Amino acid sequence: YYYFDPTTYLKLDHQDYVRSQWGDWYMVGSDGVVQSGLVSWKGSTYYFDSSTFLKVTNKTFTVGNTTYKADGNGVVTVVNDVNAKVNKALGEIGVPYVWGGNSPSVGFDCSGLVQWAYGLSSSYRTTYQQQALGTHVYSNVSSAPKGALLFFGSDSAPYHVAISLGDGSYVHAPTVGENVKIGYQKYFTPSYYIVLS
């Protein structure tokens, strides 16, 4: 499908967000083709239905393995994407360890990094509170999936938490005097892990 300007009858030759005479919103590519799927435009992402080409609003939907939510204006945000959460934590490599820290501007302790990357409420601030977010898995800890939370210590007294990268490594805020960095299970082995639902 192509978009032709209703006034000039010319095919649109630049990407634009257009409204039909019926009030529906469409996204037109720089080649004049009406677009569908996830589309970035002026700093925001929108989703256009692949059948109707209409902008989706006020709806939660899944594309691939990622769940998105479109607000009333059609701006799309990721609802539950492990990759986005892991990448958020990885983006903080080099930020200093600060006991009690849970933001990039202050610094992070281990559970503060997890709380911030996963958007957890203040009810899940400590390692003890975070270990209650899922079923403890003790077997094949070295094969914990990407995004799983790795715990060090006992069920009742975990003393450290890290975020699995899915390949035997993890991102974490280790200890005083160090920065957020990647660690390896072969050198510092977790006791169990949980997968957040």
C-alpha atoms as a PDB file:
ATOM      1  CA  TYR A   1       0.000   0.000   0.000  1.00  0.00           C
ATOM      2  CA  TYR A   2       1.194   3.505  -0.859  1.00  0.00           C
ATOM      3  CA  TYR A   3       0.072   6.830   0.531  1.00  0.00           C
ATOM      4  CA  PHE A   4      -0.937   9.610  -1.851  1.00  0.00           C
ATOM      5  CA  ASP A   5      -1.555  13.109  -0.563  1.00  0.00           C
ATOM      6  CA  PRO A   6      -5.320  13.816  -0.849  1.00  0.00           C
ATOM      7  CA  THR A   7      -4.646  17.401  -1.958  1.00  0.00           C
ATOM      8  CA  THR A   8      -1.792  17.008  -4.467  1.00  0.00           C
ATOM      9  CA  TYR A   9      -2.386  13.307  -5.330  1.00  0.00           C
ATOM     10  CA  LEU A  10       1.394  12.827  -5.158  1.00  0.00           C
ATOM     11  CA  LYS A  11       3.014   9.858  -3.441  1.00  0.00           C
ATOM     12  CA  LEU A  12       4.627  10.852  -0.139  1.00  0.00           C
ATOM     13  CA  ASP A  13       8.411  10.879  -0.542  1.00  0.00           C
ATOM     14  CA  HIS A  14       9.498  11.173   3.113  1.00  0.00           C
ATOM     15  CA  GLN A  15       8.700   9.330   6.337  1.00  0.00           C
ATOM     16  CA  ASP A  16       5.696  10.858   8.006  1.00  0.00           C
ATOM     17  CA  TYR A  17       2.894  10.184  10.440  1.00  0.00           C
ATOM     18  CA  VAL A  18      -0.345  10.847   8.554  1.00  0.00           C
ATOM     19  CA  ARG A  19      -4.022  10.969   9.416  1.00  0.00           C
ATOM     20  CA  SER A  20      -6.616   9.672   6.988  1.00  0.00           C
ATOM     21  CA  GLN A  21      -9.849  11.478   6.197  1.00  0.00           C
ATOM     22  CA  TRP A  22     -11.519   8.981   8.587  1.00  0.00           C
ATOM     23  CA  GLY A  23      -9.288  10.064  11.489  1.00  0.00           C
ATOM     24  CA  ASP A  24      -7.039   6.980  11.555  1.00  0.00           C
ATOM     25  CA  TRP A  25      -3.266   7.319  11.959  1.00  0.00           C
ATOM     26  CA  TYR A  26      -0.770   5.607   9.657  1.00  0.00           C
ATOM     27  CA  MET A  27       3.008   5.661   9.286  1.00  0.00           C
ATOM     28  CA  VAL A  28       4.359   6.153   5.797  1.00  0.00           C
ATOM     29  CA  GLY A  29       7.966   5.292   4.951  1.00  0.00           C
ATOM     30  CA  SER A  30      10.328   7.442   2.939  1.00  0.00           C
ATOM     31  CA  ASP A  31       9.383   5.399  -0.157  1.00  0.00           C
ATOM     32  CA  GLY A  32       5.667   6.140   0.276  1.00  0.00           C
ATOM     33  CA  VAL A  33       4.856   2.633   1.503  1.00  0.00           C
ATOM     34  CA  VAL A  34       2.424   2.444   4.434  1.00  0.00           C
ATOM     35  CA  GLN A  35       4.345   0.724   7.249  1.00  0.00           C
ATOM     36  CA  SER A  36       3.398  -1.927   9.786  1.00  0.00           C
ATOM     37  CA  GLY A  37       5.048  -3.376  12.883  1.00  0.00           C
ATOM     38  CA  LEU A  38       7.290  -1.466  15.269  1.00  0.00           C
ATOM     39  CA  VAL A  39       8.296   1.905  13.829  1.00  0.00           C
ATOM     40  CA  SER A  40      10.545   4.567  15.373  1.00  0.00           C
ATOM     41  CA  TRP A  41       9.570   8.159  14.684  1.00  0.00           C
ATOM     42  CA  LYS A  42      10.830  11.374  16.297  1.00  0.00           C
ATOM     43  CA  GLY A  43      12.306   9.662  19.348  1.00  0.00           C
ATOM     44  CA  SER A  44       9.369   7.347  20.122  1.00  0.00           C
ATOM     45  CA  THR A  45       8.367   3.865  18.988  1.00  0.00           C
ATOM     46  CA  TYR A  46       4.900   3.052  17.686  1.00  0.00           C
ATOM     47  CA  TYR A  47       3.233  -0.162  16.555  1.00  0.00           C
ATOM     48  CA  PHE A  48       1.097  -0.384  13.432  1.00  0.00           C
ATOM     49  CA  ASP A  49      -1.132  -3.432  12.944  1.00  0.00           C
ATOM     50  CA  SER A  50       0.110  -5.712  10.155  1.00  0.00           C
ATOM     51  CA  SER A  51      -3.426  -6.268   8.794  1.00  0.00           C
ATOM     52  CA  THR A  52      -5.050  -2.849   9.064  1.00  0.00           C
ATOM     53  CA  PHE A  53      -1.870  -0.693   9.164  1.00  0.00           C
ATOM     54  CA  LEU A  54      -3.581   1.354  11.895  1.00  0.00           C
ATOM     55  CA  LYS A  55      -1.688   2.706  14.901  1.00  0.00           C
ATOM     56  CA  VAL A  56      -2.294   0.531  17.965  1.00  0.00           C
ATOM     57  CA  THR A  57      -3.290   2.353  21.175  1.00  0.00           C
ATOM     58  CA  ASN A  58      -4.159   1.282  24.732  1.00  0.00           C
ATOM     59  CA  LYS A  59      -3.139  -2.309  24.137  1.00  0.00           C
ATOM     60  CA  THR A  60      -0.548  -4.839  25.309  1.00  0.00           C
ATOM     61  CA  PHE A  61       0.889  -7.113  22.611  1.00  0.00           C
ATOM     62  CA  THR A  62       3.844  -9.410  21.937  1.00  0.00           C
ATOM     63  CA  VAL A  63       6.291  -9.270  19.046  1.00  0.00           C
ATOM     64  CA  GLY A  64       8.808 -12.119  19.007  1.00  0.00           C
ATOM     65  CA  ASN A  65       9.539 -12.825  22.686  1.00  0.00           C
ATOM     66  CA  THR A  66       9.068  -9.238  23.821  1.00  0.00           C
ATOM     67  CA  THR A  67       5.878  -7.842  25.330  1.00  0.00           C
ATOM     68  CA  TYR A  68       5.014  -4.212  24.641  1.00  0.00           C
ATOM     69  CA  LYS A  69       2.367  -1.789  25.822  1.00  0.00           C
ATOM     70  CA  ALA A  70       1.002   1.024  23.649  1.00  0.00           C
ATOM     71  CA  ASP A  71      -0.358   4.013  25.558  1.00  0.00           C
ATOM     72  CA  GLY A  72      -3.275   6.266  24.545  1.00  0.00           C
ATOM     73  CA  ASN A  73      -1.057   8.108  22.054  1.00  0.00           C
ATOM     74  CA  GLY A  74       0.350   4.878  20.645  1.00  0.00           C
ATOM     75  CA  VAL A  75       3.816   5.298  22.164  1.00  0.00           C
ATOM     76  CA  VAL A  76       5.190   1.818  22.825  1.00  0.00           C
ATOM     77  CA  THR A  77       7.269   0.710  25.812  1.00  0.00           C
ATOM     78  CA  VAL A  78       8.710  -2.690  26.663  1.00  0.00           C
ATOM     79  CA  VAL A  79       6.703  -4.422  29.381  1.00  0.00           C
ATOM     80  CA  ASN A  80       8.726  -7.547  30.050  1.00  0.00           C
ATOM     81  CA  ASP A  81      11.965  -8.073  28.202  1.00  0.00           C
ATOM     82  CA  VAL A  82      14.831  -9.879  29.883  1.00  0.00           C
ATOM     83  CA  ASN A  83      17.302  -8.543  27.319  1.00  0.00           C
ATOM     84  CA  ALA A  84      16.306  -4.960  28.082  1.00  0.00           C
ATOM     85  CA  LYS A  85      16.775  -5.512  31.824  1.00  0.00           C
ATOM     86  CA  VAL A  86      20.131  -7.241  31.399  1.00  0.00           C
ATOM     87  CA  ASN A  87      21.297  -4.531  28.989  1.00  0.00           C
ATOM     88  CA  LYS A  88      20.193  -1.880  31.476  1.00  0.00           C
ATOM     89  CA  ALA A  89      22.465  -3.455  34.103  1.00  0.00           C
ATOM     90  CA  LEU A  90      25.320  -3.909  31.604  1.00  0.00           C
ATOM     91  CA  GLY A  91      25.060  -0.223  30.771  1.00  0.00           C
ATOM     92  CA  GLU A  92      26.175   0.550  34.337  1.00  0.00           C
ATOM     93  CA  ILE A  93      29.534  -1.234  34.114  1.00  0.00           C
ATOM     94  CA  GLY A  94      32.108   1.015  35.741  1.00  0.00           C
ATOM     95  CA  VAL A  95      29.679   2.679  38.169  1.00  0.00           C
ATOM     96  CA  PRO A  96      31.141   2.496  41.707  1.00  0.00           C
ATOM     97  CA  TYR A  97      29.911   0.138  44.407  1.00  0.00           C
ATOM     98  CA  VAL A  98      28.140   2.135  47.106  1.00  0.00           C
ATOM     99  CA  TRP A  99      26.573   0.316  50.034  1.00  0.00           C
ATOM    100  CA  GLY A 100      22.830   1.072  49.972  1.00  0.00           C
ATOM    101  CA  GLY A 101      23.073   2.572  46.460  1.00  0.00           C
ATOM    102  CA  ASN A 102      20.373   1.862  43.908  1.00  0.00           C
ATOM    103  CA  SER A 103      20.794   4.472  41.156  1.00  0.00           C
ATOM    104  CA  PRO A 104      23.420   5.411  38.559  1.00  0.00           C
ATOM    105  CA  SER A 105      23.879   8.865  40.081  1.00  0.00           C
ATOM    106  CA  VAL A 106      24.689   7.472  43.545  1.00  0.00           C
ATOM    107  CA  GLY A 107      26.198   4.063  42.758  1.00  0.00           C
ATOM    108  CA  PHE A 108      24.999   0.526  43.383  1.00  0.00           C
ATOM    109  CA  ASP A 109      25.284  -2.266  45.854  1.00  0.00           C
ATOM    110  CA  CYS A 110      24.452  -5.755  44.563  1.00  0.00           C
ATOM    111  CA  SER A 111      20.731  -5.761  45.341  1.00  0.00           C
ATOM    112  CA  GLY A 112      20.433  -2.080  44.396  1.00  0.00           C
ATOM    113  CA  LEU A 113      21.629  -2.885  40.863  1.00  0.00           C
ATOM    114  CA  VAL A 114      19.030  -5.663  40.595  1.00  0.00           C
ATOM    115  CA  GLN A 115      16.265  -3.448  41.998  1.00  0.00           C
ATOM    116  CA  TRP A 116      17.089  -0.654  39.536  1.00  0.00           C
ATOM    117  CA  ALA A 117      17.586  -2.851  36.433  1.00  0.00           C
ATOM    118  CA  TYR A 118      14.376  -4.806  37.042  1.00  0.00           C
ATOM    119  CA  GLY A 119      12.295  -1.864  38.240  1.00  0.00           C
ATOM    120  CA  LEU A 120      11.482  -3.578  41.539  1.00  0.00           C
ATOM    121  CA  SER A 121       9.572  -1.775  44.264  1.00  0.00           C
ATOM    122  CA  SER A 122      11.097  -0.850  47.617  1.00  0.00           C
ATOM    123  CA  SER A 123       9.560  -4.068  48.989  1.00  0.00           C
ATOM    124  CA  TYR A 124      12.275  -5.957  47.057  1.00  0.00           C
ATOM    125  CA  ARG A 125      15.349  -3.921  47.951  1.00  0.00           C
ATOM    126  CA  THR A 126      17.572  -6.489  49.713  1.00  0.00           C
ATOM    127  CA  THR A 127      18.975  -9.855  48.630  1.00  0.00           C
ATOM    128  CA  TYR A 128      16.765 -11.544  51.220  1.00  0.00           C
ATOM    129  CA  GLN A 129      13.641  -9.884  49.807  1.00  0.00           C
ATOM    130  CA  GLN A 130      14.706 -10.569  46.204  1.00  0.00           C
ATOM    131  CA  GLN A 131      15.347 -14.290  46.755  1.00  0.00           C
ATOM    132  CA  ALA A 132      11.629 -14.631  47.586  1.00  0.00           C
ATOM    133  CA  LEU A 133      10.627 -13.522  44.050  1.00  0.00           C
ATOM    134  CA  GLY A 134      10.856 -17.014  42.569  1.00  0.00           C
ATOM    135  CA  THR A 135      11.491 -20.708  43.045  1.00  0.00           C
ATOM    136  CA  HIS A 136      15.043 -21.554  44.077  1.00  0.00           C
ATOM    137  CA  VAL A 137      16.851 -23.721  41.539  1.00  0.00           C
ATOM    138  CA  TYR A 138      19.927 -25.570  42.830  1.00  0.00           C
ATOM    139  CA  SER A 139      20.769 -27.813  39.862  1.00  0.00           C
ATOM    140  CA  ASN A 140      22.790 -26.652  36.862  1.00  0.00           C
ATOM    141  CA  VAL A 141      23.378 -23.229  38.379  1.00  0.00           C
ATOM    142  CA  SER A 142      26.205 -22.763  35.862  1.00  0.00           C
ATOM    143  CA  SER A 143      23.545 -22.978  33.123  1.00  0.00           C
ATOM    144  CA  ALA A 144      21.228 -20.377  34.652  1.00  0.00           C
ATOM    145  CA  PRO A 145      19.370 -18.593  31.844  1.00  0.00           C
ATOM    146  CA  LYS A 146      20.050 -15.012  30.867  1.00  0.00           C
ATOM    147  CA  GLY A 147      18.315 -12.633  33.266  1.00  0.00           C
ATOM    148  CA  ALA A 148      18.058 -15.139  36.127  1.00  0.00           C
ATOM    149  CA  LEU A 149      19.036 -13.780  39.533  1.00  0.00           C
ATOM    150  CA  LEU A 150      22.006 -15.647  41.011  1.00  0.00           C
ATOM    151  CA  PHE A 151      22.251 -15.832  44.792  1.00  0.00           C
ATOM    152  CA  PHE A 152      25.305 -16.541  46.927  1.00  0.00           C
ATOM    153  CA  GLY A 153      24.782 -17.974  50.414  1.00  0.00           C
ATOM    154  CA  SER A 154      21.922 -19.896  51.979  1.00  0.00           C
ATOM    155  CA  ASP A 155      18.177 -19.647  51.378  1.00  0.00           C
ATOM    156  CA  SER A 156      17.684 -17.838  54.656  1.00  0.00           C
ATOM    157  CA  ALA A 157      20.789 -15.652  54.450  1.00  0.00           C
ATOM    158  CA  PRO A 158      21.883 -14.807  50.898  1.00  0.00           C
ATOM    159  CA  TYR A 159      24.761 -12.333  51.040  1.00  0.00           C
ATOM    160  CA  HIS A 160      25.120 -11.431  47.343  1.00  0.00           C
ATOM    161  CA  VAL A 161      23.034 -11.312  44.144  1.00  0.00           C
ATOM    162  CA  ALA A 162      24.043 -11.028  40.486  1.00  0.00           C
ATOM    163  CA  ILE A 163      22.279 -11.074  37.101  1.00  0.00           C
ATOM    164  CA  SER A 164      23.057 -14.056  34.870  1.00  0.00           C
ATOM    165  CA  LEU A 165      24.251 -13.378  31.325  1.00  0.00           C
ATOM    166  CA  GLY A 166      23.328 -16.945  30.345  1.00  0.00           C
ATOM    167  CA  ASP A 167      26.826 -18.190  29.563  1.00  0.00           C
ATOM    168  CA  GLY A 168      28.336 -18.817  32.992  1.00  0.00           C
ATOM    169  CA  SER A 169      29.004 -15.125  33.528  1.00  0.00           C
ATOM    170  CA  TYR A 170      27.027 -12.404  35.283  1.00  0.00           C
ATOM    171  CA  VAL A 171      26.892  -8.671  35.872  1.00  0.00           C
ATOM    172  CA  HIS A 172      27.032  -7.480  39.478  1.00  0.00           C
ATOM    173  CA  ALA A 173      28.124  -4.807  41.917  1.00  0.00           C
ATOM    174  CA  PRO A 174      30.769  -6.795  43.816  1.00  0.00           C
ATOM    175  CA  THR A 175      31.992  -4.980  46.915  1.00  0.00           C
ATOM    176  CA  VAL A 176      33.373  -1.753  48.390  1.00  0.00           C
ATOM    177  CA  GLY A 177      36.230  -0.357  46.309  1.00  0.00           C
ATOM    178  CA  GLU A 178      35.062  -2.024  43.097  1.00  0.00           C
ATOM    179  CA  ASN A 179      32.730  -1.040  40.251  1.00  0.00           C
ATOM    180  CA  VAL A 180      29.815  -2.764  38.524  1.00  0.00           C
ATOM    181  CA  LYS A 181      31.439  -5.404  36.340  1.00  0.00           C
ATOM    182  CA  ILE A 182      31.152  -8.832  34.776  1.00  0.00           C
ATOM    183  CA  GLY A 183      32.009 -11.834  36.951  1.00  0.00           C
ATOM    184  CA  TYR A 184      32.400 -15.519  36.172  1.00  0.00           C
ATOM    185  CA  GLN A 185      30.843 -18.503  37.908  1.00  0.00           C
ATOM    186  CA  LYS A 186      34.050 -20.516  37.616  1.00  0.00           C
ATOM    187  CA  TYR A 187      35.722 -18.033  39.998  1.00  0.00           C
ATOM    188  CA  PHE A 188      32.817 -17.034  42.258  1.00  0.00           C
ATOM    189  CA  THR A 189      30.077 -19.665  42.224  1.00  0.00           C
ATOM    190  CA  PRO A 190      26.466 -18.875  43.174  1.00  0.00           C
ATOM    191  CA  SER A 191      24.477 -21.233  45.393  1.00  0.00           C
ATOM    192  CA  TYR A 192      21.160 -21.084  43.505  1.00  0.00           C
ATOM    193  CA  TYR A 193      19.149 -18.960  41.121  1.00  0.00           C
ATOM    194  CA  ILE A 194      15.598 -17.808  40.470  1.00  0.00           C
ATOM    195  CA  VAL A 195      13.833 -16.825  37.280  1.00  0.00           C
ATOM    196  CA  LEU A 196      11.531 -13.837  37.693  1.00  0.00           C
ATOM    197  CA  SER A 197       8.094 -14.311  36.177  1.00  0.00           C
END
